Amino acid sequence: MISQKRLLLAVLMIIIAVSLAGWGVWLWNIKTQPNGNANNINMANANISNVNTVSNVNNQPIDTSDWQTYRNEEMGFEVKYPEGWRVEEGGIGNNIINFFPPNKSSGYEYSGDIHIVILENSKNLSLEKYYGEGEMIRANLFVATRENYPINISGIPARRFNGFPTMVQGDESNTVSIPLNDKIIEVVDNYGWHNTDGIFNALVLSFRLK
């Protein structure tokens, strides 16, 4: 008969052996995949890098030297927009700035326009809380969009949202949200028309505080 003490010792040794084996596997995984968590970080950095590269889908750089400058004195910011485009201020609640390409007259039909929306954020909520708990009824971009990630716009921690479903099935818009004091500036690429030409990215990256 195996004494109770020896049986307890055997069970304890088995437990220790299994624990050591598990720890060894964990260490082996870390050594063989040193970039496990880093891969996620690198993907986020790649996304940031993509939005900060002013180029089109063919990786051809966009020359913005001849772009015009829109200045908003009240809000204290400015952005560049392509030569030949037209700017209209107003819109719903008088808080929208529309940038229309040469072939577009007005309105929101398919056309490739980009617009900036100035939203009230009187409680200075974070973007997460604003879109989830804001005073006005707005879709939660963190949930509704296909992907989102942090970016830096003119030294301001902002966020990029890609793939916001529109009312037209299969179409998606892209948005960059920039918190600015008691306001939130949304720059919107309607229906994702500028996913490939780089114009939306270039306009966003030209955002500057005056």
C-alpha atoms as a PDB file:
ATOM      1  CA  MET A   1       0.000   0.000   0.000  1.00  0.00           C
ATOM      2  CA  ILE A   2       1.260   3.398  -0.936  1.00  0.00           C
ATOM      3  CA  SER A   3       1.216   5.631   2.079  1.00  0.00           C
ATOM      4  CA  GLN A   4      -0.975   8.702   2.007  1.00  0.00           C
ATOM      5  CA  LYS A   5       2.108  10.912   2.330  1.00  0.00           C
ATOM      6  CA  ARG A   6       3.785   9.376  -0.713  1.00  0.00           C
ATOM      7  CA  LEU A   7       0.570   9.660  -2.747  1.00  0.00           C
ATOM      8  CA  LEU A   8       0.237  13.328  -1.850  1.00  0.00           C
ATOM      9  CA  LEU A   9       3.876  13.907  -2.792  1.00  0.00           C
ATOM     10  CA  ALA A  10       3.383  12.203  -6.166  1.00  0.00           C
ATOM     11  CA  VAL A  11       0.307  14.323  -6.940  1.00  0.00           C
ATOM     12  CA  LEU A  12       2.198  17.477  -5.938  1.00  0.00           C
ATOM     13  CA  MET A  13       5.098  16.568  -8.227  1.00  0.00           C
ATOM     14  CA  ILE A  14       2.714  15.974 -11.136  1.00  0.00           C
ATOM     15  CA  ILE A  15       1.099  19.387 -10.563  1.00  0.00           C
ATOM     16  CA  ILE A  16       4.519  21.066 -10.461  1.00  0.00           C
ATOM     17  CA  ALA A  17       5.589  19.256 -13.656  1.00  0.00           C
ATOM     18  CA  VAL A  18       2.445  20.322 -15.530  1.00  0.00           C
ATOM     19  CA  SER A  19       2.871  23.924 -14.338  1.00  0.00           C
ATOM     20  CA  LEU A  20       6.511  23.980 -15.457  1.00  0.00           C
ATOM     21  CA  ALA A  21       5.544  22.543 -18.829  1.00  0.00           C
ATOM     22  CA  GLY A  22       2.890  25.225 -19.322  1.00  0.00           C
ATOM     23  CA  TRP A  23       5.324  27.951 -18.314  1.00  0.00           C
ATOM     24  CA  GLY A  24       7.867  26.539 -20.764  1.00  0.00           C
ATOM     25  CA  VAL A  25       5.356  26.599 -23.619  1.00  0.00           C
ATOM     26  CA  TRP A  26       4.459  30.201 -22.764  1.00  0.00           C
ATOM     27  CA  LEU A  27       8.144  31.215 -22.827  1.00  0.00           C
ATOM     28  CA  TRP A  28       8.665  29.382 -26.114  1.00  0.00           C
ATOM     29  CA  ASN A  29       5.753  31.248 -27.683  1.00  0.00           C
ATOM     30  CA  ILE A  30       7.193  34.584 -26.594  1.00  0.00           C
ATOM     31  CA  LYS A  31      10.611  33.729 -28.030  1.00  0.00           C
ATOM     32  CA  THR A  32       9.294  32.384 -31.312  1.00  0.00           C
ATOM     33  CA  GLN A  33       6.790  35.249 -31.724  1.00  0.00           C
ATOM     34  CA  PRO A  34       8.540  38.270 -30.250  1.00  0.00           C
ATOM     35  CA  ASN A  35       6.278  40.674 -32.057  1.00  0.00           C
ATOM     36  CA  GLY A  36       2.991  39.248 -30.834  1.00  0.00           C
ATOM     37  CA  ASN A  37       1.635  42.415 -29.231  1.00  0.00           C
ATOM     38  CA  ALA A  38       3.984  44.548 -31.299  1.00  0.00           C
ATOM     39  CA  ASN A  39       2.221  43.378 -34.452  1.00  0.00           C
ATOM     40  CA  ASN A  40      -0.989  45.056 -33.292  1.00  0.00           C
ATOM     41  CA  ILE A  41       0.926  48.224 -32.465  1.00  0.00           C
ATOM     42  CA  ASN A  42       2.693  48.104 -35.803  1.00  0.00           C
ATOM     43  CA  MET A  43      -0.634  47.703 -37.586  1.00  0.00           C
ATOM     44  CA  ALA A  44      -1.966  50.772 -35.781  1.00  0.00           C
ATOM     45  CA  ASN A  45       1.194  52.676 -36.697  1.00  0.00           C
ATOM     46  CA  ALA A  46       0.826  51.503 -40.272  1.00  0.00           C
ATOM     47  CA  ASN A  47      -2.699  52.903 -40.323  1.00  0.00           C
ATOM     48  CA  ILE A  48      -1.457  56.198 -38.931  1.00  0.00           C
ATOM     49  CA  SER A  49       1.339  56.184 -41.459  1.00  0.00           C
ATOM     50  CA  ASN A  50      -1.117  55.556 -44.268  1.00  0.00           C
ATOM     51  CA  VAL A  51      -3.282  58.505 -43.326  1.00  0.00           C
ATOM     52  CA  ASN A  52      -0.230  60.711 -42.995  1.00  0.00           C
ATOM     53  CA  THR A  53       1.100  59.821 -46.439  1.00  0.00           C
ATOM     54  CA  VAL A  54      -0.199  62.345 -48.928  1.00  0.00           C
ATOM     55  CA  SER A  55      -0.361  60.058 -51.926  1.00  0.00           C
ATOM     56  CA  ASN A  56      -2.948  58.301 -54.041  1.00  0.00           C
ATOM     57  CA  VAL A  57      -3.684  54.603 -54.282  1.00  0.00           C
ATOM     58  CA  ASN A  58      -0.801  54.168 -56.742  1.00  0.00           C
ATOM     59  CA  ASN A  59       1.543  55.726 -54.167  1.00  0.00           C
ATOM     60  CA  GLN A  60       2.001  58.771 -56.371  1.00  0.00           C
ATOM     61  CA  PRO A  61       2.629  61.913 -54.260  1.00  0.00           C
ATOM     62  CA  ILE A  62       0.068  64.696 -54.432  1.00  0.00           C
ATOM     63  CA  ASP A  63       1.418  68.170 -55.091  1.00  0.00           C
ATOM     64  CA  THR A  64      -0.526  70.539 -52.831  1.00  0.00           C
ATOM     65  CA  SER A  65       1.651  73.588 -53.495  1.00  0.00           C
ATOM     66  CA  ASP A  66      -1.037  75.202 -55.652  1.00  0.00           C
ATOM     67  CA  TRP A  67      -3.915  74.352 -53.316  1.00  0.00           C
ATOM     68  CA  GLN A  68      -6.038  77.171 -51.943  1.00  0.00           C
ATOM     69  CA  THR A  69      -6.443  77.884 -48.236  1.00  0.00           C
ATOM     70  CA  TYR A  70      -9.706  78.129 -46.349  1.00  0.00           C
ATOM     71  CA  ARG A  71      -9.471  80.031 -43.056  1.00  0.00           C
ATOM     72  CA  ASN A  72     -12.113  79.971 -40.353  1.00  0.00           C
ATOM     73  CA  GLU A  73     -11.455  83.027 -38.205  1.00  0.00           C
ATOM     74  CA  GLU A  74     -14.130  82.189 -35.639  1.00  0.00           C
ATOM     75  CA  MET A  75     -12.835  78.683 -34.926  1.00  0.00           C
ATOM     76  CA  GLY A  76      -9.192  79.560 -35.485  1.00  0.00           C
ATOM     77  CA  PHE A  77      -8.214  76.898 -38.005  1.00  0.00           C
ATOM     78  CA  GLU A  78      -7.330  76.609 -41.650  1.00  0.00           C
ATOM     79  CA  VAL A  79      -7.189  73.826 -44.250  1.00  0.00           C
ATOM     80  CA  LYS A  80      -6.052  73.550 -47.832  1.00  0.00           C
ATOM     81  CA  TYR A  81      -8.245  72.362 -50.677  1.00  0.00           C
ATOM     82  CA  PRO A  82      -7.549  71.661 -54.373  1.00  0.00           C
ATOM     83  CA  GLU A  83      -7.258  74.387 -56.985  1.00  0.00           C
ATOM     84  CA  GLY A  84     -10.565  74.785 -58.821  1.00  0.00           C
ATOM     85  CA  TRP A  85     -12.712  73.547 -55.949  1.00  0.00           C
ATOM     86  CA  ARG A  86     -15.381  75.818 -54.474  1.00  0.00           C
ATOM     87  CA  VAL A  87     -16.184  76.477 -50.807  1.00  0.00           C
ATOM     88  CA  GLU A  88     -19.659  77.069 -49.399  1.00  0.00           C
ATOM     89  CA  GLU A  89     -20.343  77.896 -45.746  1.00  0.00           C
ATOM     90  CA  GLY A  90     -23.691  77.270 -44.130  1.00  0.00           C
ATOM     91  CA  GLY A  91     -25.622  74.031 -44.319  1.00  0.00           C
ATOM     92  CA  ILE A  92     -27.784  72.595 -41.557  1.00  0.00           C
ATOM     93  CA  GLY A  93     -27.482  74.784 -38.467  1.00  0.00           C
ATOM     94  CA  ASN A  94     -24.985  76.993 -40.280  1.00  0.00           C
ATOM     95  CA  ASN A  95     -22.172  74.761 -39.060  1.00  0.00           C
ATOM     96  CA  ILE A  96     -21.050  73.049 -42.270  1.00  0.00           C
ATOM     97  CA  ILE A  97     -18.297  74.024 -44.682  1.00  0.00           C
ATOM     98  CA  ASN A  98     -18.625  72.281 -48.040  1.00  0.00           C
ATOM     99  CA  PHE A  99     -15.750  71.762 -50.463  1.00  0.00           C
ATOM    100  CA  PHE A 100     -17.137  71.049 -53.937  1.00  0.00           C
ATOM    101  CA  PRO A 101     -15.055  69.702 -56.842  1.00  0.00           C
ATOM    102  CA  PRO A 102     -15.250  71.575 -60.168  1.00  0.00           C
ATOM    103  CA  ASN A 103     -17.957  69.295 -61.600  1.00  0.00           C
ATOM    104  CA  LYS A 104     -20.294  69.799 -58.642  1.00  0.00           C
ATOM    105  CA  SER A 105     -22.820  72.588 -58.197  1.00  0.00           C
ATOM    106  CA  SER A 106     -24.327  72.007 -54.751  1.00  0.00           C
ATOM    107  CA  GLY A 107     -26.184  69.497 -52.616  1.00  0.00           C
ATOM    108  CA  TYR A 108     -25.191  66.115 -51.232  1.00  0.00           C
ATOM    109  CA  GLU A 109     -25.793  63.773 -54.162  1.00  0.00           C
ATOM    110  CA  TYR A 110     -22.955  61.616 -55.488  1.00  0.00           C
ATOM    111  CA  SER A 111     -20.265  64.054 -56.444  1.00  0.00           C
ATOM    112  CA  GLY A 112     -17.099  63.664 -54.401  1.00  0.00           C
ATOM    113  CA  ASP A 113     -17.612  66.645 -52.113  1.00  0.00           C
ATOM    114  CA  ILE A 114     -15.835  66.855 -48.757  1.00  0.00           C
ATOM    115  CA  HIS A 115     -17.363  68.726 -45.860  1.00  0.00           C
ATOM    116  CA  ILE A 116     -16.343  69.943 -42.440  1.00  0.00           C
ATOM    117  CA  VAL A 117     -18.924  69.877 -39.658  1.00  0.00           C
ATOM    118  CA  ILE A 118     -18.482  71.953 -36.493  1.00  0.00           C
ATOM    119  CA  LEU A 119     -20.222  70.269 -33.551  1.00  0.00           C
ATOM    120  CA  GLU A 120     -20.883  71.595 -30.071  1.00  0.00           C
ATOM    121  CA  ASN A 121     -19.143  69.777 -27.213  1.00  0.00           C
ATOM    122  CA  SER A 122     -20.017  72.039 -24.291  1.00  0.00           C
ATOM    123  CA  LYS A 123     -19.064  69.404 -21.701  1.00  0.00           C
ATOM    124  CA  ASN A 124     -15.654  68.827 -23.304  1.00  0.00           C
ATOM    125  CA  LEU A 125     -16.351  65.117 -23.550  1.00  0.00           C
ATOM    126  CA  SER A 126     -13.773  62.738 -24.966  1.00  0.00           C
ATOM    127  CA  LEU A 127     -14.547  61.414 -28.440  1.00  0.00           C
ATOM    128  CA  GLU A 128     -15.500  58.063 -26.906  1.00  0.00           C
ATOM    129  CA  LYS A 129     -18.013  59.653 -24.556  1.00  0.00           C
ATOM    130  CA  TYR A 130     -19.217  62.221 -27.081  1.00  0.00           C
ATOM    131  CA  TYR A 131     -20.221  59.646 -29.645  1.00  0.00           C
ATOM    132  CA  GLY A 132     -21.640  57.342 -27.012  1.00  0.00           C
ATOM    133  CA  GLU A 133     -23.134  59.778 -24.517  1.00  0.00           C
ATOM    134  CA  GLY A 134     -23.267  63.125 -26.290  1.00  0.00           C
ATOM    135  CA  GLU A 135     -26.063  65.626 -25.876  1.00  0.00           C
ATOM    136  CA  MET A 136     -27.117  65.349 -29.506  1.00  0.00           C
ATOM    137  CA  ILE A 137     -28.376  62.199 -31.178  1.00  0.00           C
ATOM    138  CA  ARG A 138     -25.443  60.872 -33.203  1.00  0.00           C
ATOM    139  CA  ALA A 139     -24.427  57.443 -34.374  1.00  0.00           C
ATOM    140  CA  ASN A 140     -21.651  55.930 -32.305  1.00  0.00           C
ATOM    141  CA  LEU A 141     -18.779  55.991 -34.790  1.00  0.00           C
ATOM    142  CA  PHE A 142     -16.770  53.638 -32.578  1.00  0.00           C
ATOM    143  CA  VAL A 143     -19.391  50.940 -33.162  1.00  0.00           C
ATOM    144  CA  ALA A 144     -20.795  51.775 -36.589  1.00  0.00           C
ATOM    145  CA  THR A 145     -17.572  52.123 -38.577  1.00  0.00           C
ATOM    146  CA  ARG A 146     -15.574  49.278 -40.068  1.00  0.00           C
ATOM    147  CA  GLU A 147     -12.356  50.460 -38.378  1.00  0.00           C
ATOM    148  CA  ASN A 148     -11.038  53.380 -36.348  1.00  0.00           C
ATOM    149  CA  TYR A 149      -7.661  54.371 -34.959  1.00  0.00           C
ATOM    150  CA  PRO A 150      -5.921  57.366 -33.349  1.00  0.00           C
ATOM    151  CA  ILE A 151      -4.049  59.876 -35.492  1.00  0.00           C
ATOM    152  CA  ASN A 152      -2.312  63.172 -34.855  1.00  0.00           C
ATOM    153  CA  ILE A 153      -3.568  66.239 -36.688  1.00  0.00           C
ATOM    154  CA  SER A 154      -1.489  69.380 -36.241  1.00  0.00           C
ATOM    155  CA  GLY A 155      -0.435  68.213 -32.789  1.00  0.00           C
ATOM    156  CA  ILE A 156      -4.006  67.366 -31.748  1.00  0.00           C
ATOM    157  CA  PRO A 157      -4.881  63.767 -30.772  1.00  0.00           C
ATOM    158  CA  ALA A 158      -7.689  62.983 -33.216  1.00  0.00           C
ATOM    159  CA  ARG A 159      -9.301  59.823 -34.572  1.00  0.00           C
ATOM    160  CA  ARG A 160      -9.878  58.370 -38.019  1.00  0.00           C
ATOM    161  CA  PHE A 161     -13.078  56.414 -38.754  1.00  0.00           C
ATOM    162  CA  ASN A 162     -13.215  54.381 -41.958  1.00  0.00           C
ATOM    163  CA  GLY A 163     -16.302  52.778 -43.412  1.00  0.00           C
ATOM    164  CA  PHE A 164     -19.324  54.537 -41.923  1.00  0.00           C
ATOM    165  CA  PRO A 165     -22.452  53.067 -43.604  1.00  0.00           C
ATOM    166  CA  THR A 166     -24.491  55.583 -45.589  1.00  0.00           C
ATOM    167  CA  MET A 167     -28.156  55.475 -46.494  1.00  0.00           C
ATOM    168  CA  VAL A 168     -27.193  53.937 -49.849  1.00  0.00           C
ATOM    169  CA  GLN A 169     -26.477  50.234 -49.510  1.00  0.00           C
ATOM    170  CA  GLY A 170     -22.863  49.349 -50.154  1.00  0.00           C
ATOM    171  CA  ASP A 171     -21.588  52.917 -49.800  1.00  0.00           C
ATOM    172  CA  GLU A 172     -19.399  54.087 -46.912  1.00  0.00           C
ATOM    173  CA  SER A 173     -18.073  57.449 -45.770  1.00  0.00           C
ATOM    174  CA  ASN A 174     -14.848  58.243 -43.944  1.00  0.00           C
ATOM    175  CA  THR A 175     -14.516  60.719 -41.085  1.00  0.00           C
ATOM    176  CA  VAL A 176     -11.700  62.328 -39.124  1.00  0.00           C
ATOM    177  CA  SER A 177     -12.815  63.762 -35.757  1.00  0.00           C
ATOM    178  CA  ILE A 178     -10.696  66.503 -34.186  1.00  0.00           C
ATOM    179  CA  PRO A 179     -11.571  67.690 -30.640  1.00  0.00           C
ATOM    180  CA  LEU A 180     -11.008  71.422 -30.363  1.00  0.00           C
ATOM    181  CA  ASN A 181     -11.855  73.051 -27.021  1.00  0.00           C
ATOM    182  CA  ASP A 182     -15.660  72.916 -26.669  1.00  0.00           C
ATOM    183  CA  LYS A 183     -16.135  71.845 -30.284  1.00  0.00           C
ATOM    184  CA  ILE A 184     -15.511  68.752 -32.367  1.00  0.00           C
ATOM    185  CA  ILE A 185     -14.434  69.224 -35.965  1.00  0.00           C
ATOM    186  CA  GLU A 186     -15.517  66.426 -38.281  1.00  0.00           C
ATOM    187  CA  VAL A 187     -13.931  66.220 -41.724  1.00  0.00           C
ATOM    188  CA  VAL A 188     -16.044  63.897 -43.870  1.00  0.00           C
ATOM    189  CA  ASP A 189     -15.360  62.202 -47.194  1.00  0.00           C
ATOM    190  CA  ASN A 190     -18.866  61.626 -48.504  1.00  0.00           C
ATOM    191  CA  TYR A 191     -19.357  58.071 -49.743  1.00  0.00           C
ATOM    192  CA  GLY A 192     -15.585  57.490 -49.667  1.00  0.00           C
ATOM    193  CA  TRP A 193     -15.106  59.090 -53.073  1.00  0.00           C
ATOM    194  CA  HIS A 194     -11.501  59.953 -52.256  1.00  0.00           C
ATOM    195  CA  ASN A 195     -10.344  56.571 -50.999  1.00  0.00           C
ATOM    196  CA  THR A 196      -7.956  56.272 -53.921  1.00  0.00           C
ATOM    197  CA  ASP A 197      -6.911  59.755 -55.041  1.00  0.00           C
ATOM    198  CA  GLY A 198      -5.483  60.926 -51.685  1.00  0.00           C
ATOM    199  CA  ILE A 199      -7.328  64.272 -51.743  1.00  0.00           C
ATOM    200  CA  PHE A 200      -9.190  63.626 -48.498  1.00  0.00           C
ATOM    201  CA  ASN A 201      -5.990  62.623 -46.685  1.00  0.00           C
ATOM    202  CA  ALA A 202      -4.156  65.678 -47.999  1.00  0.00           C
ATOM    203  CA  LEU A 203      -6.956  68.031 -46.943  1.00  0.00           C
ATOM    204  CA  VAL A 204      -7.099  66.490 -43.461  1.00  0.00           C
ATOM    205  CA  LEU A 205      -3.336  66.698 -42.998  1.00  0.00           C
ATOM    206  CA  SER A 206      -3.319  70.351 -44.033  1.00  0.00           C
ATOM    207  CA  PHE A 207      -5.467  71.213 -40.977  1.00  0.00           C
ATOM    208  CA  ARG A 208      -3.674  73.859 -38.911  1.00  0.00           C
ATOM    209  CA  LEU A 209      -4.548  75.954 -35.889  1.00  0.00           C
ATOM    210  CA  LYS A 210      -4.057  79.655 -36.527  1.00  0.00           C
END
